Amino acid sequence: MIRSMTGFAEENFKSQTLRLRIFIKTLNHRFFDWVYRGDNLGEMENILRVITQKKIVRGRVEVLLEMDFLSPERWEFKVNRPLLKRIVKELTLLSREVALPFNLTIEQLLRVPQLVSISQKELTREEKTFVLNAFDKALDKIVSQREKEGREISRQLIRHLEKIKKSIEVIESIIKKQPRQLEEKLKRKLQDLNHNSYSEERLSEEVAYLMQKFDVAEEISRIKSHLNSFSELVQPEVNEPVGKKLDFLAQELSREANTLNAKAQDLGIIKHCLQIKNEIESIRQQVQNLE
């Protein structure tokens, strides 16, 4: 299945102890590029990365995962009691020395560095499973979006290919008429120059020489071959990433079209070469977004 490299998913999940908010965005990139922002998951982040790489081969993947613990027992609240006792003792002594009253509020204590620590307990096995399953569902939504957009791009590519094929057919029909046209053109030139003593044999040799000089059969053959390969790769039954292959074929098509245009001497052929080049440029832009 052809896939694009762009997609976005925002999903919320809830269990008895945990609420999750998952944001995933994928963008164009030459390789697989993982970017994680969110709550610290420790080794679980690597697991999420592995899960993602199994479903997304190429593209930049930006993930934001936020967790809310629904149970008070999921939080750790610790007071550094030795430090608190030392603070109270020192301040009490100081109060006596300077003969000033000593008042200490809870709010003031909370501002003391390293006196109070608040942290989340480690995820239980059930919570880890819940996070992994939730992420997998959000990832499936992204993959579905990429496949949907990939199908649309595939349809557009097929339309571009059909236009190129029609132009090639027209060019081939023009080429078939070229020997006769060249012969008539040469005859007129010779007549204009008052060369009435030319031989048919010499004229045929000159026509053959010019046809060989401007022969584009190889370029057309290679373009047809690339078009066939391209068509095979954009079929729905193809179940592999094809973006890089299509990009290479688009470059090859562009190279052959440029050569064809350079060798062409007929205005009709040049016109259709320009149309082909326009279609190829559209193809090259679109395949850049394919996985």
Protein backbone atom coordinates (compact mmCIF):
# COMPACT_ATOMS: atom_id res chain seq x y z
CA MET A 1 0.00 0.00 0.00
CA ILE A 2 1.43 3.34 -1.07
CA ARG A 3 1.62 5.82 1.80
CA SER A 4 2.37 9.49 2.11
CA MET A 5 4.72 10.72 4.83
CA THR A 6 2.35 13.28 6.39
CA GLY A 7 -0.24 12.67 9.06
CA PHE A 8 -1.56 13.89 12.40
CA ALA A 9 -3.35 12.21 15.30
CA GLU A 10 -4.53 13.52 18.67
CA GLU A 11 -6.07 10.89 20.92
CA ASN A 12 -7.20 10.67 24.56
CA PHE A 13 -7.29 7.45 26.56
CA LYS A 14 -8.35 6.69 30.12
CA SER A 15 -7.91 3.77 32.50
CA GLN A 16 -8.78 3.44 36.18
CA THR A 17 -5.49 5.01 37.25
CA LEU A 18 -4.25 6.91 34.22
CA ARG A 19 -5.34 9.48 31.64
CA LEU A 20 -3.29 9.80 28.45
CA ARG A 21 -3.06 12.50 25.81
CA ILE A 22 -1.13 11.40 22.72
CA PHE A 23 -0.15 13.68 19.83
CA ILE A 24 1.62 12.23 16.79
CA LYS A 25 2.65 14.19 13.71
CA THR A 26 4.57 12.80 10.75
CA LEU A 27 6.39 14.87 8.13
CA ASN A 28 8.58 14.36 5.07
CA HIS A 29 12.10 13.13 5.72
CA ARG A 30 14.66 11.15 3.74
CA PHE A 31 14.99 8.59 6.55
CA PHE A 32 13.20 7.59 9.77
CA ASP A 33 13.57 10.46 12.24
CA TRP A 34 12.17 10.07 15.78
CA VAL A 35 11.45 13.08 18.03
CA TYR A 36 9.85 12.54 21.46
CA ARG A 37 8.60 15.25 23.78
CA GLY A 38 6.51 14.66 26.85
CA ASP A 39 6.53 12.90 30.21
CA ASN A 40 9.59 10.85 31.01
CA LEU A 41 8.94 7.23 30.09
CA GLY A 42 12.42 5.88 30.60
CA GLU A 43 13.05 2.69 28.65
CA MET A 44 9.46 2.71 27.39
CA GLU A 45 10.35 5.50 24.96
CA ASN A 46 12.64 3.10 23.08
CA ILE A 47 9.79 0.57 22.97
CA LEU A 48 7.50 3.21 21.43
CA ARG A 49 10.19 4.00 18.89
CA VAL A 50 10.52 0.34 17.91
CA ILE A 51 6.73 -0.01 17.59
CA THR A 52 6.66 3.05 15.34
CA GLN A 53 9.48 1.84 13.09
CA LYS A 54 7.60 -1.39 12.45
CA LYS A 55 4.74 0.63 10.93
CA ILE A 56 6.49 3.73 9.57
CA VAL A 57 9.62 3.13 7.50
CA ARG A 58 10.40 6.69 6.44
CA GLY A 59 9.53 10.18 7.65
CA ARG A 60 9.94 12.45 10.65
CA VAL A 61 7.78 11.29 13.58
CA GLU A 62 7.07 13.83 16.32
CA VAL A 63 5.43 12.43 19.46
CA LEU A 64 4.04 14.21 22.52
CA LEU A 65 2.71 12.01 25.32
CA GLU A 66 1.23 13.45 28.51
CA MET A 67 0.09 11.42 31.53
CA ASP A 68 -2.24 12.35 34.39
CA PHE A 69 -2.43 10.02 37.38
CA LEU A 70 -6.01 9.75 38.62
CA SER A 71 -5.22 8.19 42.01
CA PRO A 72 -3.48 10.13 44.85
CA GLU A 73 -1.55 6.96 45.69
CA ARG A 74 0.30 7.26 42.37
CA TRP A 75 2.25 10.26 43.68
CA GLU A 76 5.29 10.27 45.94
CA PHE A 77 5.49 13.14 48.47
CA LYS A 78 8.65 13.15 50.57
CA VAL A 79 9.89 15.56 53.21
CA ASN A 80 13.58 15.69 54.01
CA ARG A 81 13.08 15.41 57.75
CA PRO A 82 16.75 15.65 58.81
CA LEU A 83 17.04 18.86 56.80
CA LEU A 84 13.81 20.22 58.30
CA LYS A 85 15.01 19.52 61.85
CA ARG A 86 18.32 21.19 61.10
CA ILE A 87 16.58 24.27 59.68
CA VAL A 88 14.27 24.58 62.70
CA LYS A 89 17.14 24.10 65.14
CA GLU A 90 19.36 26.71 63.49
CA LEU A 91 16.57 29.25 63.16
CA THR A 92 15.56 28.72 66.80
CA LEU A 93 19.13 29.39 67.96
CA LEU A 94 19.33 32.44 65.72
CA SER A 95 16.04 33.72 67.14
CA ARG A 96 17.44 33.57 70.65
CA GLU A 97 20.68 35.25 69.68
CA VAL A 98 19.04 38.23 68.03
CA ALA A 99 16.09 38.33 70.43
CA LEU A 100 13.51 38.18 67.64
CA PRO A 101 10.48 35.92 67.40
CA PHE A 102 10.79 32.89 65.20
CA ASN A 103 7.80 32.18 62.88
CA LEU A 104 7.94 29.60 60.09
CA THR A 105 4.96 28.78 57.83
CA ILE A 106 4.32 25.78 55.62
CA GLU A 107 4.42 28.03 52.57
CA GLN A 108 7.90 29.22 53.52
CA LEU A 109 9.08 25.65 54.04
CA LEU A 110 7.88 24.57 50.60
CA ARG A 111 10.15 27.19 49.08
CA VAL A 112 13.25 25.70 50.66
CA PRO A 113 15.27 23.81 48.01
CA GLN A 114 15.57 20.04 48.48
CA LEU A 115 13.22 20.06 51.49
CA VAL A 116 10.20 18.61 49.67
CA SER A 117 10.16 16.34 46.63
CA ILE A 118 7.10 15.40 44.60
CA SER A 119 7.34 12.65 41.97
CA GLN A 120 5.29 10.02 40.23
CA LYS A 121 5.63 6.39 41.14
CA GLU A 122 6.87 4.05 38.42
CA LEU A 123 4.23 2.68 36.10
CA THR A 124 2.84 -0.70 36.99
CA ARG A 125 2.91 -3.52 34.46
CA GLU A 126 -0.79 -2.95 33.73
CA GLU A 127 -0.22 0.78 33.19
CA LYS A 128 2.69 0.15 30.84
CA THR A 129 0.53 -2.23 28.81
CA PHE A 130 -2.21 0.41 28.72
CA VAL A 131 0.23 3.06 27.45
CA LEU A 132 1.63 0.77 24.74
CA ASN A 133 -1.82 -0.27 23.52
CA ALA A 134 -3.04 3.33 23.48
CA PHE A 135 0.00 4.48 21.54
CA ASP A 136 -0.44 1.64 19.06
CA LYS A 137 -4.04 2.74 18.40
CA ALA A 138 -2.97 6.35 17.84
CA LEU A 139 -0.23 5.12 15.51
CA ASP A 140 -2.76 3.08 13.51
CA LYS A 141 -4.73 6.26 12.93
CA ILE A 142 -1.62 7.95 11.52
CA VAL A 143 -0.91 4.96 9.25
CA SER A 144 -4.52 5.02 8.02
CA GLN A 145 -4.21 8.72 7.16
CA ARG A 146 -0.92 8.14 5.34
CA GLU A 147 -2.47 5.30 3.34
CA LYS A 148 -5.51 7.41 2.41
CA GLU A 149 -3.33 10.28 1.21
CA GLY A 150 -1.05 7.78 -0.53
CA ARG A 151 -4.00 6.44 -2.55
CA GLU A 152 -4.89 9.95 -3.69
CA ILE A 153 -1.30 10.69 -4.68
CA SER A 154 -1.20 7.37 -6.54
CA ARG A 155 -4.29 8.35 -8.56
CA GLN A 156 -2.70 11.68 -9.43
CA LEU A 157 0.53 9.97 -10.50
CA ILE A 158 -1.38 7.59 -12.78
CA ARG A 159 -3.05 10.58 -14.46
CA HIS A 160 0.35 12.17 -15.06
CA LEU A 161 1.66 8.89 -16.50
CA GLU A 162 -1.29 8.62 -18.89
CA LYS A 163 -0.65 12.13 -20.19
CA ILE A 164 3.02 11.29 -20.76
CA LYS A 165 2.06 8.09 -22.62
CA LYS A 166 -0.31 10.03 -24.90
CA SER A 167 2.44 12.55 -25.68
CA ILE A 168 4.83 9.70 -26.50
CA GLU A 169 2.24 8.20 -28.87
CA VAL A 170 1.92 11.54 -30.66
CA ILE A 171 5.72 11.88 -30.89
CA GLU A 172 5.99 8.38 -32.37
CA SER A 173 3.37 9.21 -34.99
CA ILE A 174 5.30 12.37 -35.91
CA ILE A 175 8.56 10.39 -36.19
CA LYS A 176 6.98 7.94 -38.64
CA LYS A 177 6.26 10.85 -40.99
CA GLN A 178 9.71 12.42 -40.62
CA PRO A 179 11.60 10.56 -43.43
CA ARG A 180 9.06 11.67 -46.03
CA GLN A 181 8.96 15.21 -44.63
CA LEU A 182 12.75 15.43 -44.60
CA GLU A 183 12.94 14.18 -48.16
CA GLU A 184 10.43 16.78 -49.37
CA LYS A 185 12.22 19.49 -47.42
CA LEU A 186 15.57 18.59 -48.97
CA LYS A 187 14.05 18.51 -52.45
CA ARG A 188 12.65 22.02 -52.00
CA LYS A 189 16.01 23.29 -50.76
CA LEU A 190 17.81 21.78 -53.71
CA GLN A 191 15.28 23.20 -56.13
CA ASP A 192 15.63 26.63 -54.54
CA LEU A 193 19.38 26.34 -55.07
CA ASN A 194 18.82 25.25 -58.70
CA HIS A 195 20.28 21.81 -58.02
CA ASN A 196 18.04 19.89 -60.37
CA SER A 197 20.59 17.19 -61.07
CA TYR A 198 20.40 15.48 -57.69
CA SER A 199 19.96 11.72 -57.63
CA GLU A 200 17.29 9.88 -55.70
CA GLU A 201 19.98 7.62 -54.25
CA ARG A 202 21.95 10.58 -52.92
CA LEU A 203 18.79 12.10 -51.55
CA SER A 204 17.91 8.86 -49.72
CA GLU A 205 21.38 8.71 -48.21
CA GLU A 206 21.08 12.27 -46.94
CA VAL A 207 17.67 11.57 -45.43
CA ALA A 208 19.00 8.42 -43.75
CA TYR A 209 21.95 10.39 -42.35
CA LEU A 210 19.69 13.07 -40.88
CA MET A 211 17.29 10.50 -39.43
CA GLN A 212 20.19 8.76 -37.73
CA LYS A 213 21.55 12.05 -36.43
CA PHE A 214 18.25 13.02 -34.86
CA ASP A 215 17.14 9.51 -33.93
CA VAL A 216 15.30 9.44 -30.58
CA ALA A 217 14.23 5.77 -30.61
CA GLU A 218 16.46 4.88 -27.66
CA GLU A 219 15.17 7.77 -25.55
CA ILE A 220 11.57 6.84 -26.28
CA SER A 221 12.27 3.18 -25.52
CA ARG A 222 13.81 4.07 -22.15
CA ILE A 223 10.97 6.45 -21.31
CA LYS A 224 8.46 3.67 -22.04
CA SER A 225 10.43 1.27 -19.86
CA HIS A 226 10.53 3.76 -16.97
CA LEU A 227 6.80 4.44 -17.37
CA ASN A 228 6.05 0.71 -17.15
CA SER A 229 8.19 0.35 -14.01
CA PHE A 230 6.53 3.42 -12.50
CA SER A 231 3.05 2.05 -13.27
CA GLU A 232 3.86 -1.26 -11.59
CA LEU A 233 5.03 0.47 -8.39
CA VAL A 234 1.88 2.60 -7.97
CA GLN A 235 -0.51 -0.33 -8.14
CA PRO A 236 -2.71 -0.87 -5.02
CA GLU A 237 -1.40 -4.41 -4.46
CA VAL A 238 2.18 -3.16 -3.93
CA ASN A 239 2.89 -3.66 -0.22
CA GLU A 240 6.23 -1.97 0.31
CA PRO A 241 7.62 1.57 0.59
CA VAL A 242 8.13 2.88 -2.95
CA GLY A 243 8.94 6.57 -2.44
CA LYS A 244 12.69 6.27 -3.06
CA LYS A 245 12.22 4.02 -6.10
CA LEU A 246 9.66 6.37 -7.64
CA ASP A 247 11.90 9.36 -6.98
CA PHE A 248 14.76 7.61 -8.82
CA LEU A 249 12.50 6.73 -11.75
CA ALA A 250 11.23 10.31 -11.92
CA GLN A 251 14.83 11.52 -12.17
CA GLU A 252 15.52 9.04 -14.97
CA LEU A 253 12.38 10.12 -16.81
CA SER A 254 13.46 13.74 -16.52
CA ARG A 255 16.92 12.92 -17.91
CA GLU A 256 15.50 11.07 -20.93
CA ALA A 257 12.92 13.80 -21.59
CA ASN A 258 15.66 16.44 -21.61
CA THR A 259 17.72 14.39 -24.10
CA LEU A 260 14.65 13.83 -26.27
CA ASN A 261 13.90 17.54 -26.29
CA ALA A 262 17.52 18.41 -27.16
CA LYS A 263 17.62 16.02 -30.14
CA ALA A 264 14.17 16.88 -31.48
CA GLN A 265 14.02 19.00 -34.64
CA ASP A 266 10.28 19.00 -35.15
CA LEU A 267 8.22 21.70 -33.44
CA GLY A 268 5.46 19.19 -32.74
CA ILE A 269 7.88 16.89 -30.93
CA ILE A 270 9.36 19.81 -28.97
CA LYS A 271 5.87 20.89 -27.91
CA HIS A 272 5.07 17.45 -26.53
CA CYS A 273 8.52 17.18 -24.91
CA LEU A 274 7.72 20.31 -22.94
CA GLN A 275 4.39 18.83 -21.89
CA ILE A 276 6.15 15.64 -20.79
CA LYS A 277 8.68 17.65 -18.77
CA ASN A 278 5.85 19.51 -17.03
CA GLU A 279 4.16 16.25 -16.09
CA ILE A 280 7.45 14.80 -14.82
CA GLU A 281 8.06 17.88 -12.67
CA SER A 282 4.64 17.40 -11.06
CA ILE A 283 5.48 13.74 -10.50
CA ARG A 284 8.81 14.60 -8.85
CA GLN A 285 7.10 16.97 -6.43
CA GLN A 286 4.46 14.41 -5.47
CA VAL A 287 6.78 11.41 -4.98
CA GLN A 288 8.78 13.47 -2.49
CA ASN A 289 5.85 12.98 -0.11
CA LEU A 290 5.72 9.20 -0.43
CA GLU A 291 7.14 6.78 2.13
